[in-house]
Amino acid sequence: IEKIWEKCNMNNISPELFHSIRGGE
């Protein structure tokens, strides 16, 4: 998620749409 926000133009997109998950869970 952090890399997506670094690489993409995320203007007008709410960070609240993103949900963190973990491998194996």
PDB file of all heavy atoms in Angstrom:
ATOM      1  N   ILE A   1       0.836  -1.206   0.000  1.00  0.00           N
ATOM      2  CA  ILE A   1       0.000   0.000   0.000  1.00  0.00           C
ATOM      3  C   ILE A   1       0.870   1.255   0.000  1.00  0.00           C
ATOM      4  O   ILE A   1       0.628   2.209  -0.755  1.00  0.00           O
ATOM      5  CB  ILE A   1      -0.958  -0.008   1.198  1.00  0.00           C
ATOM      6  CG1 ILE A   1      -2.000  -1.124   1.043  1.00  0.00           C
ATOM      7  CG2 ILE A   1      -1.641   1.356   1.362  1.00  0.00           C
ATOM      8  CD1 ILE A   1      -2.863  -1.337   2.271  1.00  0.00           C
ATOM      9  N   GLU A   2       1.897   1.264   0.821  1.00  0.00           N
ATOM     10  CA  GLU A   2       2.801   2.421   0.871  1.00  0.00           C
ATOM     11  C   GLU A   2       3.442   2.672  -0.492  1.00  0.00           C
ATOM     12  O   GLU A   2       3.534   3.815  -0.961  1.00  0.00           O
ATOM     13  CB  GLU A   2       3.875   2.185   1.928  1.00  0.00           C
ATOM     14  CG  GLU A   2       4.820   3.353   2.116  1.00  0.00           C
ATOM     15  CD  GLU A   2       5.821   3.119   3.234  1.00  0.00           C
ATOM     16  OE1 GLU A   2       5.605   2.199   4.051  1.00  0.00           O
ATOM     17  OE2 GLU A   2       6.826   3.863   3.279  1.00  0.00           O
ATOM     18  N   LYS A   3       3.864   1.603  -1.165  1.00  0.00           N
ATOM     19  CA  LYS A   3       4.490   1.742  -2.477  1.00  0.00           C
ATOM     20  C   LYS A   3       3.493   2.242  -3.527  1.00  0.00           C
ATOM     21  O   LYS A   3       3.841   3.018  -4.419  1.00  0.00           O
ATOM     22  CB  LYS A   3       5.090   0.414  -2.916  1.00  0.00           C
ATOM     23  CG  LYS A   3       6.394   0.055  -2.228  1.00  0.00           C
ATOM     24  CD  LYS A   3       7.506   1.002  -2.656  1.00  0.00           C
ATOM     25  CE  LYS A   3       8.835   0.591  -2.056  1.00  0.00           C
ATOM     26  NZ  LYS A   3       9.923   1.532  -2.454  1.00  0.00           N
ATOM     27  N   ILE A   4       2.252   1.781  -3.431  1.00  0.00           N
ATOM     28  CA  ILE A   4       1.227   2.249  -4.369  1.00  0.00           C
ATOM     29  C   ILE A   4       1.068   3.756  -4.254  1.00  0.00           C
ATOM     30  O   ILE A   4       0.997   4.469  -5.272  1.00  0.00           O
ATOM     31  CB  ILE A   4      -0.108   1.525  -4.107  1.00  0.00           C
ATOM     32  CG1 ILE A   4      -0.015   0.049  -4.514  1.00  0.00           C
ATOM     33  CG2 ILE A   4      -1.252   2.214  -4.852  1.00  0.00           C
ATOM     34  CD1 ILE A   4      -1.207  -0.785  -4.095  1.00  0.00           C
ATOM     35  N   TRP A   5       1.031   4.256  -3.044  1.00  0.00           N
ATOM     36  CA  TRP A   5       0.859   5.696  -2.849  1.00  0.00           C
ATOM     37  C   TRP A   5       2.091   6.471  -3.286  1.00  0.00           C
ATOM     38  O   TRP A   5       1.987   7.639  -3.672  1.00  0.00           O
ATOM     39  CB  TRP A   5       0.504   5.992  -1.394  1.00  0.00           C
ATOM     40  CG  TRP A   5      -0.949   5.718  -1.140  1.00  0.00           C
ATOM     41  CD1 TRP A   5      -1.531   4.519  -0.864  1.00  0.00           C
ATOM     42  CD2 TRP A   5      -2.010   6.661  -1.193  1.00  0.00           C
ATOM     43  NE1 TRP A   5      -2.886   4.657  -0.731  1.00  0.00           N
ATOM     44  CE2 TRP A   5      -3.210   5.961  -0.919  1.00  0.00           C
ATOM     45  CE3 TRP A   5      -2.077   8.037  -1.422  1.00  0.00           C
ATOM     46  CZ2 TRP A   5      -4.455   6.596  -0.898  1.00  0.00           C
ATOM     47  CZ3 TRP A   5      -3.299   8.676  -1.397  1.00  0.00           C
ATOM     48  CH2 TRP A   5      -4.482   7.954  -1.136  1.00  0.00           C
ATOM     49  N   GLU A   6       3.255   5.839  -3.255  1.00  0.00           N
ATOM     50  CA  GLU A   6       4.464   6.489  -3.751  1.00  0.00           C
ATOM     51  C   GLU A   6       4.506   6.530  -5.279  1.00  0.00           C
ATOM     52  O   GLU A   6       4.929   7.525  -5.880  1.00  0.00           O
ATOM     53  CB  GLU A   6       5.712   5.740  -3.255  1.00  0.00           C
ATOM     54  CG  GLU A   6       6.017   5.901  -1.782  1.00  0.00           C
ATOM     55  CD  GLU A   6       7.222   5.079  -1.375  1.00  0.00           C
ATOM     56  OE1 GLU A   6       7.896   4.502  -2.259  1.00  0.00           O
ATOM     57  OE2 GLU A   6       7.502   5.012  -0.159  1.00  0.00           O
ATOM     58  N   LYS A   7       4.060   5.462  -5.923  1.00  0.00           N
ATOM     59  CA  LYS A   7       4.246   5.297  -7.366  1.00  0.00           C
ATOM     60  C   LYS A   7       3.112   5.867  -8.202  1.00  0.00           C
ATOM     61  O   LYS A   7       3.326   6.241  -9.359  1.00  0.00           O
ATOM     62  CB  LYS A   7       4.416   3.810  -7.701  1.00  0.00           C
ATOM     63  CG  LYS A   7       5.653   3.170  -7.119  1.00  0.00           C
ATOM     64  CD  LYS A   7       5.748   1.704  -7.465  1.00  0.00           C
ATOM     65  CE  LYS A   7       6.012   1.490  -8.940  1.00  0.00           C
ATOM     66  NZ  LYS A   7       6.341   0.080  -9.253  1.00  0.00           N
ATOM     67  N   CYS A   8       1.904   5.889  -7.667  1.00  0.00           N
ATOM     68  CA  CYS A   8       0.735   6.261  -8.459  1.00  0.00           C
ATOM     69  C   CYS A   8       0.261   7.671  -8.121  1.00  0.00           C
ATOM     70  O   CYS A   8       0.504   8.182  -7.028  1.00  0.00           O
ATOM     71  CB  CYS A   8      -0.408   5.276  -8.202  1.00  0.00           C
ATOM     72  SG  CYS A   8      -0.028   3.575  -8.635  1.00  0.00           S
ATOM     73  N   ASN A   9      -0.419   8.289  -9.058  1.00  0.00           N
ATOM     74  CA  ASN A   9      -1.069   9.566  -8.818  1.00  0.00           C
ATOM     75  C   ASN A   9      -2.400   9.297  -8.123  1.00  0.00           C
ATOM     76  O   ASN A   9      -3.380   8.931  -8.766  1.00  0.00           O
ATOM     77  CB  ASN A   9      -1.289  10.293 -10.141  1.00  0.00           C
ATOM     78  CG  ASN A   9      -2.032  11.609  -9.963  1.00  0.00           C
ATOM     79  OD1 ASN A   9      -2.367  12.009  -8.851  1.00  0.00           O
ATOM     80  ND2 ASN A   9      -2.307  12.286 -11.066  1.00  0.00           N
ATOM     81  N   MET A  10      -2.405   9.474  -6.816  1.00  0.00           N
ATOM     82  CA  MET A  10      -3.572   9.104  -6.025  1.00  0.00           C
ATOM     83  C   MET A  10      -4.434  10.303  -5.649  1.00  0.00           C
ATOM     84  O   MET A  10      -5.187  10.255  -4.676  1.00  0.00           O
ATOM     85  CB  MET A  10      -3.116   8.358  -4.757  1.00  0.00           C
ATOM     86  CG  MET A  10      -2.257   7.139  -5.034  1.00  0.00           C
ATOM     87  SD  MET A  10      -3.108   5.867  -6.002  1.00  0.00           S
ATOM     88  CE  MET A  10      -4.127   5.120  -4.724  1.00  0.00           C
ATOM     89  N   ASN A  11      -4.336  11.382  -6.426  1.00  0.00           N
ATOM     90  CA  ASN A  11      -5.172  12.554  -6.168  1.00  0.00           C
ATOM     91  C   ASN A  11      -6.653  12.167  -6.201  1.00  0.00           C
ATOM     92  O   ASN A  11      -7.097  11.397  -7.049  1.00  0.00           O
ATOM     93  CB  ASN A  11      -4.917  13.635  -7.225  1.00  0.00           C
ATOM     94  CG  ASN A  11      -3.540  14.249  -7.103  1.00  0.00           C
ATOM     95  OD1 ASN A  11      -2.907  14.151  -6.055  1.00  0.00           O
ATOM     96  ND2 ASN A  11      -3.069  14.866  -8.172  1.00  0.00           N
ATOM     97  N   ASN A  12      -7.390  12.726  -5.237  1.00  0.00           N
ATOM     98  CA  ASN A  12      -8.842  12.529  -5.135  1.00  0.00           C
ATOM     99  C   ASN A  12      -9.218  11.084  -4.811  1.00  0.00           C
ATOM    100  O   ASN A  12     -10.336  10.649  -5.110  1.00  0.00           O
ATOM    101  CB  ASN A  12      -9.546  12.971  -6.421  1.00  0.00           C
ATOM    102  CG  ASN A  12      -9.284  14.423  -6.765  1.00  0.00           C
ATOM    103  OD1 ASN A  12      -9.320  15.284  -5.884  1.00  0.00           O
ATOM    104  ND2 ASN A  12      -9.002  14.703  -8.031  1.00  0.00           N
ATOM    105  N   ILE A  13      -8.307  10.346  -4.211  1.00  0.00           N
ATOM    106  CA  ILE A  13      -8.586   8.981  -3.767  1.00  0.00           C
ATOM    107  C   ILE A  13      -8.401   8.920  -2.261  1.00  0.00           C
ATOM    108  O   ILE A  13      -7.379   9.353  -1.727  1.00  0.00           O
ATOM    109  CB  ILE A  13      -7.670   7.962  -4.467  1.00  0.00           C
ATOM    110  CG1 ILE A  13      -7.944   7.950  -5.972  1.00  0.00           C
ATOM    111  CG2 ILE A  13      -7.877   6.553  -3.893  1.00  0.00           C
ATOM    112  CD1 ILE A  13      -6.975   7.132  -6.776  1.00  0.00           C
ATOM    113  N   SER A  14      -9.374   8.384  -1.561  1.00  0.00           N
ATOM    114  CA  SER A  14      -9.328   8.345  -0.101  1.00  0.00           C
ATOM    115  C   SER A  14      -8.431   7.213   0.391  1.00  0.00           C
ATOM    116  O   SER A  14      -8.593   6.061  -0.042  1.00  0.00           O
ATOM    117  CB  SER A  14     -10.738   8.147   0.473  1.00  0.00           C
ATOM    118  OG  SER A  14     -10.675   7.910   1.864  1.00  0.00           O
ATOM    119  N   PRO A  15      -7.519   7.508   1.312  1.00  0.00           N
ATOM    120  CA  PRO A  15      -6.720   6.439   1.920  1.00  0.00           C
ATOM    121  C   PRO A  15      -7.563   5.410   2.647  1.00  0.00           C
ATOM    122  O   PRO A  15      -7.121   4.275   2.864  1.00  0.00           O
ATOM    123  CB  PRO A  15      -5.806   7.194   2.905  1.00  0.00           C
ATOM    124  CG  PRO A  15      -5.792   8.604   2.418  1.00  0.00           C
ATOM    125  CD  PRO A  15      -7.139   8.838   1.804  1.00  0.00           C
ATOM    126  N   GLU A  16      -8.780   5.795   3.010  1.00  0.00           N
ATOM    127  CA  GLU A  16      -9.654   4.882   3.751  1.00  0.00           C
ATOM    128  C   GLU A  16     -10.121   3.703   2.901  1.00  0.00           C
ATOM    129  O   GLU A  16     -10.638   2.716   3.445  1.00  0.00           O
ATOM    130  CB  GLU A  16     -10.857   5.643   4.315  1.00  0.00           C
ATOM    131  CG  GLU A  16     -10.468   6.663   5.372  1.00  0.00           C
ATOM    132  CD  GLU A  16     -11.671   7.375   5.959  1.00  0.00           C
ATOM    133  OE1 GLU A  16     -12.817   7.048   5.540  1.00  0.00           O
ATOM    134  OE2 GLU A  16     -11.488   8.245   6.823  1.00  0.00           O
ATOM    135  N   LEU A  17      -9.933   3.779   1.598  1.00  0.00           N
ATOM    136  CA  LEU A  17     -10.284   2.643   0.746  1.00  0.00           C
ATOM    137  C   LEU A  17      -9.322   1.483   0.922  1.00  0.00           C
ATOM    138  O   LEU A  17      -9.653   0.338   0.586  1.00  0.00           O
ATOM    139  CB  LEU A  17     -10.267   3.064  -0.733  1.00  0.00           C
ATOM    140  CG  LEU A  17     -11.331   4.060  -1.200  1.00  0.00           C
ATOM    141  CD1 LEU A  17     -11.111   4.407  -2.662  1.00  0.00           C
ATOM    142  CD2 LEU A  17     -12.730   3.484  -0.989  1.00  0.00           C
ATOM    143  N   PHE A  18      -8.136   1.736   1.457  1.00  0.00           N
ATOM    144  CA  PHE A  18      -7.086   0.726   1.517  1.00  0.00           C
ATOM    145  C   PHE A  18      -7.093  -0.006   2.859  1.00  0.00           C
ATOM    146  O   PHE A  18      -7.130   0.619   3.921  1.00  0.00           O
ATOM    147  CB  PHE A  18      -5.728   1.377   1.271  1.00  0.00           C
ATOM    148  CG  PHE A  18      -5.514   1.766  -0.154  1.00  0.00           C
ATOM    149  CD1 PHE A  18      -6.107   2.908  -0.679  1.00  0.00           C
ATOM    150  CD2 PHE A  18      -4.745   0.975  -0.993  1.00  0.00           C
ATOM    151  CE1 PHE A  18      -5.932   3.262  -2.005  1.00  0.00           C
ATOM    152  CE2 PHE A  18      -4.561   1.318  -2.326  1.00  0.00           C
ATOM    153  CZ  PHE A  18      -5.152   2.459  -2.824  1.00  0.00           C
ATOM    154  N   HIS A  19      -7.043  -1.324   2.769  1.00  0.00           N
ATOM    155  CA  HIS A  19      -7.085  -2.178   3.948  1.00  0.00           C
ATOM    156  C   HIS A  19      -5.847  -3.072   3.964  1.00  0.00           C
ATOM    157  O   HIS A  19      -5.582  -3.795   3.005  1.00  0.00           O
ATOM    158  CB  HIS A  19      -8.346  -3.042   3.935  1.00  0.00           C
ATOM    159  CG  HIS A  19      -9.613  -2.241   3.862  1.00  0.00           C
ATOM    160  ND1 HIS A  19     -10.297  -1.815   4.970  1.00  0.00           N
ATOM    161  CD2 HIS A  19     -10.305  -1.763   2.788  1.00  0.00           C
ATOM    162  CE1 HIS A  19     -11.361  -1.125   4.599  1.00  0.00           C
ATOM    163  NE2 HIS A  19     -11.378  -1.082   3.275  1.00  0.00           N
ATOM    164  N   SER A  20      -5.110  -3.014   5.036  1.00  0.00           N
ATOM    165  CA  SER A  20      -3.857  -3.765   5.147  1.00  0.00           C
ATOM    166  C   SER A  20      -4.127  -5.216   5.519  1.00  0.00           C
ATOM    167  O   SER A  20      -4.891  -5.502   6.454  1.00  0.00           O
ATOM    168  CB  SER A  20      -2.960  -3.112   6.204  1.00  0.00           C
ATOM    169  OG  SER A  20      -1.798  -3.862   6.407  1.00  0.00           O
ATOM    170  N   ILE A  21      -3.508  -6.119   4.782  1.00  0.00           N
ATOM    171  CA  ILE A  21      -3.601  -7.550   5.086  1.00  0.00           C
ATOM    172  C   ILE A  21      -2.182  -8.100   5.247  1.00  0.00           C
ATOM    173  O   ILE A  21      -1.193  -7.425   4.932  1.00  0.00           O
ATOM    174  CB  ILE A  21      -4.394  -8.314   3.996  1.00  0.00           C
ATOM    175  CG1 ILE A  21      -3.819  -8.056   2.583  1.00  0.00           C
ATOM    176  CG2 ILE A  21      -5.846  -7.853   4.001  1.00  0.00           C
ATOM    177  CD1 ILE A  21      -2.853  -9.059   2.088  1.00  0.00           C
ATOM    178  N   ARG A  22      -2.078  -9.332   5.718  1.00  0.00           N
ATOM    179  CA  ARG A  22      -0.766  -9.947   5.935  1.00  0.00           C
ATOM    180  C   ARG A  22      -0.725 -11.327   5.303  1.00  0.00           C
ATOM    181  O   ARG A  22      -1.713 -12.077   5.365  1.00  0.00           O
ATOM    182  CB  ARG A  22      -0.462 -10.050   7.439  1.00  0.00           C
ATOM    183  CG  ARG A  22      -0.391  -8.706   8.137  1.00  0.00           C
ATOM    184  CD  ARG A  22      -0.105  -8.862   9.616  1.00  0.00           C
ATOM    185  NE  ARG A  22       1.209  -9.466   9.854  1.00  0.00           N
ATOM    186  CZ  ARG A  22       1.721  -9.704  11.054  1.00  0.00           C
ATOM    187  NH1 ARG A  22       1.013  -9.405  12.145  1.00  0.00           N
ATOM    188  NH2 ARG A  22       2.914 -10.242  11.176  1.00  0.00           N
ATOM    189  N   GLY A  23       0.414 -11.645   4.703  1.00  0.00           N
ATOM    190  CA  GLY A  23       0.588 -12.969   4.131  1.00  0.00           C
ATOM    191  C   GLY A  23       0.420 -14.052   5.173  1.00  0.00           C
ATOM    192  O   GLY A  23       0.957 -13.964   6.272  1.00  0.00           O
ATOM    193  N   GLY A  24      -0.369 -15.069   4.828  1.00  0.00           N
ATOM    194  CA  GLY A  24      -0.591 -16.176   5.740  1.00  0.00           C
ATOM    195  C   GLY A  24      -1.747 -15.986   6.695  1.00  0.00           C
ATOM    196  O   GLY A  24      -2.062 -16.899   7.473  1.00  0.00           O
ATOM    197  N   GLU A  25      -2.432 -14.822   6.641  1.00  0.00           N
ATOM    198  CA  GLU A  25      -3.560 -14.564   7.537  1.00  0.00           C
ATOM    199  C   GLU A  25      -4.832 -14.405   6.714  1.00  0.00           C
ATOM    200  O   GLU A  25      -5.016 -13.413   6.002  1.00  0.00           O
ATOM    201  CB  GLU A  25      -3.309 -13.314   8.379  1.00  0.00           C
ATOM    202  CG  GLU A  25      -2.145 -13.457   9.340  1.00  0.00           C
ATOM    203  CD  GLU A  25      -1.975 -12.259  10.250  1.00  0.00           C
ATOM    204  OE1 GLU A  25      -2.796 -11.311  10.172  1.00  0.00           O
ATOM    205  OE2 GLU A  25      -1.013 -12.263  11.037  1.00  0.00           O
TER     206      GLU A  25
END
